[in-house]
Amino acid sequence: MRAGILSDTHGLLRPEVLERLAGCDHLLHAGDVGDASLLDRLGRIAPVTAIRGNTDPGTSAAHLPERAVLDLAGLPVRMIHRREDIPAEWLKAARLIVFGHTHRPEIEWRGETLLLNPGGCGARRFRLPLTVAVVTIVEGRILPEILSVEPA
């Protein structure tokens, strides 16, 4: 299974993002969606699980939940927008914890649990790269990748 992971689109869905996520089996959006209609566009690639971020109240994405709890390929997954809001019990309950907010890509292993921030792929923030992540799950193993979505 391949899961595409993105965050912080802020209403901007670049063609390069769609290209990198093509072929994924499921998509996770870790908040600051902006315009919720972009979730429909993502849904043409694969089923989407999305949460709201700190800039989503007052937008068409305000209805999204603050957290998501799901399984991917039999592995427990949790998603929240800000890393500092991760409940301590998630580190024992999940194999993959997805967050966003900082626009900075991050991969960190805590034992068997992967904490992953795909970075931001909407409007550029400071000099940070534009990125998404793809996680491949094979026989219980998680193989993460951070992919650039810099325009050509």
Protein backbone atom coordinates (compact mmCIF):
# COMPACT_ATOMS: atom_id res chain seq x y z
CA MET A 1 0.00 0.00 0.00
CA ARG A 2 1.14 3.54 -0.82
CA ALA A 3 -0.23 6.45 1.19
CA GLY A 4 0.31 10.01 0.00
CA ILE A 5 0.66 12.57 2.76
CA LEU A 6 0.37 16.33 2.43
CA SER A 7 -0.25 19.36 4.61
CA ASP A 8 -0.55 23.12 4.56
CA THR A 9 -2.01 23.58 1.09
CA HIS A 10 -3.77 26.78 2.22
CA GLY A 11 -6.11 26.47 -0.77
CA LEU A 12 -3.34 25.97 -3.36
CA LEU A 13 -3.11 22.54 -5.00
CA ARG A 14 -0.14 22.55 -7.35
CA PRO A 15 -0.08 20.24 -10.42
CA GLU A 16 3.26 18.86 -9.14
CA VAL A 17 1.49 17.67 -5.97
CA LEU A 18 -1.06 15.74 -8.01
CA GLU A 19 1.77 14.21 -10.07
CA ARG A 20 3.69 13.02 -6.97
CA LEU A 21 0.58 11.54 -5.37
CA ALA A 22 -0.68 9.74 -8.49
CA GLY A 23 -0.89 5.99 -7.91
CA CYS A 24 -1.36 6.22 -4.14
CA ASP A 25 -4.02 4.05 -2.51
CA HIS A 26 -5.00 6.56 0.18
CA LEU A 27 -4.26 10.23 0.85
CA LEU A 28 -3.83 11.96 4.21
CA HIS A 29 -4.08 15.76 4.52
CA ALA A 30 -2.74 17.01 7.86
CA GLY A 31 -4.55 20.35 7.99
CA ASP A 32 -4.51 23.94 6.82
CA VAL A 33 -6.50 22.78 3.83
CA GLY A 34 -7.88 26.22 2.97
CA ASP A 35 -10.45 25.59 0.25
CA ALA A 36 -12.13 22.23 0.91
CA SER A 37 -12.85 21.78 -2.82
CA LEU A 38 -9.22 20.73 -3.28
CA LEU A 39 -10.08 17.59 -1.26
CA ASP A 40 -12.49 16.66 -4.08
CA ARG A 41 -9.65 17.01 -6.57
CA LEU A 42 -7.42 14.83 -4.38
CA GLY A 43 -10.28 12.34 -4.11
CA ARG A 44 -9.97 11.66 -7.83
CA ILE A 45 -6.60 10.05 -7.05
CA ALA A 46 -7.58 8.01 -3.97
CA PRO A 47 -9.78 8.14 -0.86
CA VAL A 48 -8.84 11.12 1.35
CA THR A 49 -8.71 11.46 5.12
CA ALA A 50 -8.30 15.10 6.13
CA ILE A 51 -8.23 17.12 9.33
CA ARG A 52 -8.45 20.85 9.92
CA GLY A 53 -5.52 23.01 10.88
CA ASN A 54 -5.18 26.25 12.77
CA THR A 55 -6.01 28.40 9.70
CA ASP A 56 -9.09 26.37 8.65
CA PRO A 57 -11.73 27.85 11.01
CA GLY A 58 -13.79 30.29 8.96
CA THR A 59 -12.96 28.52 5.68
CA SER A 60 -14.85 25.84 3.78
CA ALA A 61 -12.64 23.28 5.60
CA ALA A 62 -13.90 24.31 9.07
CA HIS A 63 -16.11 21.20 9.25
CA LEU A 64 -13.13 18.82 9.22
CA PRO A 65 -12.23 17.05 12.49
CA GLU A 66 -9.21 18.13 14.55
CA ARG A 67 -7.85 14.56 14.67
CA ALA A 68 -8.07 11.35 12.69
CA VAL A 69 -7.71 7.77 13.84
CA LEU A 70 -7.52 5.12 11.11
CA ASP A 71 -5.78 1.98 9.93
CA LEU A 72 -3.71 1.69 6.76
CA ALA A 73 -2.78 -1.81 5.62
CA GLY A 74 -3.54 -3.04 9.15
CA LEU A 75 -1.34 -0.45 10.89
CA PRO A 76 -2.79 2.08 13.36
CA VAL A 77 -2.40 5.66 12.14
CA ARG A 78 -3.10 8.95 13.93
CA MET A 79 -3.19 12.45 12.48
CA ILE A 80 -3.21 15.90 14.12
CA HIS A 81 -2.12 19.29 12.77
CA ARG A 82 0.47 20.41 15.34
CA ARG A 83 3.19 18.11 16.69
CA GLU A 84 2.96 19.70 20.14
CA ASP A 85 -0.67 18.53 20.37
CA ILE A 86 0.14 14.82 19.91
CA PRO A 87 -1.34 12.93 22.88
CA ALA A 88 1.34 10.93 24.72
CA GLU A 89 -0.70 7.72 24.44
CA TRP A 90 -0.50 7.90 20.64
CA LEU A 91 3.20 7.02 20.82
CA LYS A 92 2.20 3.59 22.14
CA ALA A 93 -1.03 3.18 20.16
CA ALA A 94 0.10 4.12 16.65
CA ARG A 95 2.72 3.00 14.16
CA LEU A 96 2.41 6.20 12.12
CA ILE A 97 1.66 9.69 13.45
CA VAL A 98 1.17 12.40 10.84
CA PHE A 99 1.26 16.13 11.56
CA GLY A 100 1.95 19.37 9.70
CA HIS A 101 1.85 23.07 10.64
CA THR A 102 5.54 24.00 10.39
CA HIS A 103 5.87 23.55 6.59
CA ARG A 104 9.13 21.77 7.44
CA PRO A 105 9.44 18.11 6.34
CA GLU A 106 10.38 15.74 9.14
CA ILE A 107 10.84 12.00 9.61
CA GLU A 108 11.53 10.73 13.12
CA TRP A 109 11.39 7.19 14.46
CA ARG A 110 10.45 6.65 18.10
CA GLY A 111 10.92 2.92 18.46
CA GLU A 112 8.39 1.31 16.11
CA THR A 113 6.44 4.56 15.66
CA LEU A 114 7.11 6.93 12.77
CA LEU A 115 6.39 10.62 13.32
CA LEU A 116 6.05 12.29 9.94
CA ASN A 117 5.55 15.87 8.79
CA PRO A 118 5.27 15.98 4.98
CA GLY A 119 6.16 19.68 4.93
CA GLY A 120 4.10 22.30 3.13
CA CYS A 121 3.02 22.12 -0.49
CA GLY A 122 0.83 25.21 -0.86
CA ALA A 123 2.10 28.77 -0.70
CA ARG A 124 5.81 28.95 0.02
CA ARG A 125 6.70 29.88 3.58
CA PHE A 126 10.03 31.60 4.08
CA ARG A 127 12.70 29.62 2.19
CA LEU A 128 11.34 26.19 3.10
CA PRO A 129 11.08 23.58 0.35
CA LEU A 130 7.72 22.56 -1.11
CA THR A 131 7.22 18.89 -0.27
CA VAL A 132 4.83 15.98 0.20
CA ALA A 133 5.48 12.51 1.57
CA VAL A 134 4.71 9.00 0.40
CA VAL A 135 4.68 6.10 2.81
CA THR A 136 4.84 2.58 1.46
CA ILE A 137 3.60 -0.14 3.80
CA VAL A 138 4.78 -3.66 3.03
CA GLU A 139 4.21 -6.60 5.40
CA GLY A 140 4.00 -4.29 8.41
CA ARG A 141 7.09 -2.26 7.45
CA ILE A 142 6.78 1.49 6.87
CA LEU A 143 9.03 3.03 4.22
CA PRO A 144 8.75 6.86 4.18
CA GLU A 145 9.91 9.26 1.46
CA ILE A 146 9.84 13.06 1.27
CA LEU A 147 9.26 14.26 -2.31
CA SER A 148 9.94 17.72 -3.72
CA VAL A 149 7.08 19.48 -5.50
CA GLU A 150 9.05 22.48 -6.67
CA PRO A 151 7.55 23.92 -9.87
CA ALA A 152 9.65 23.35 -13.01
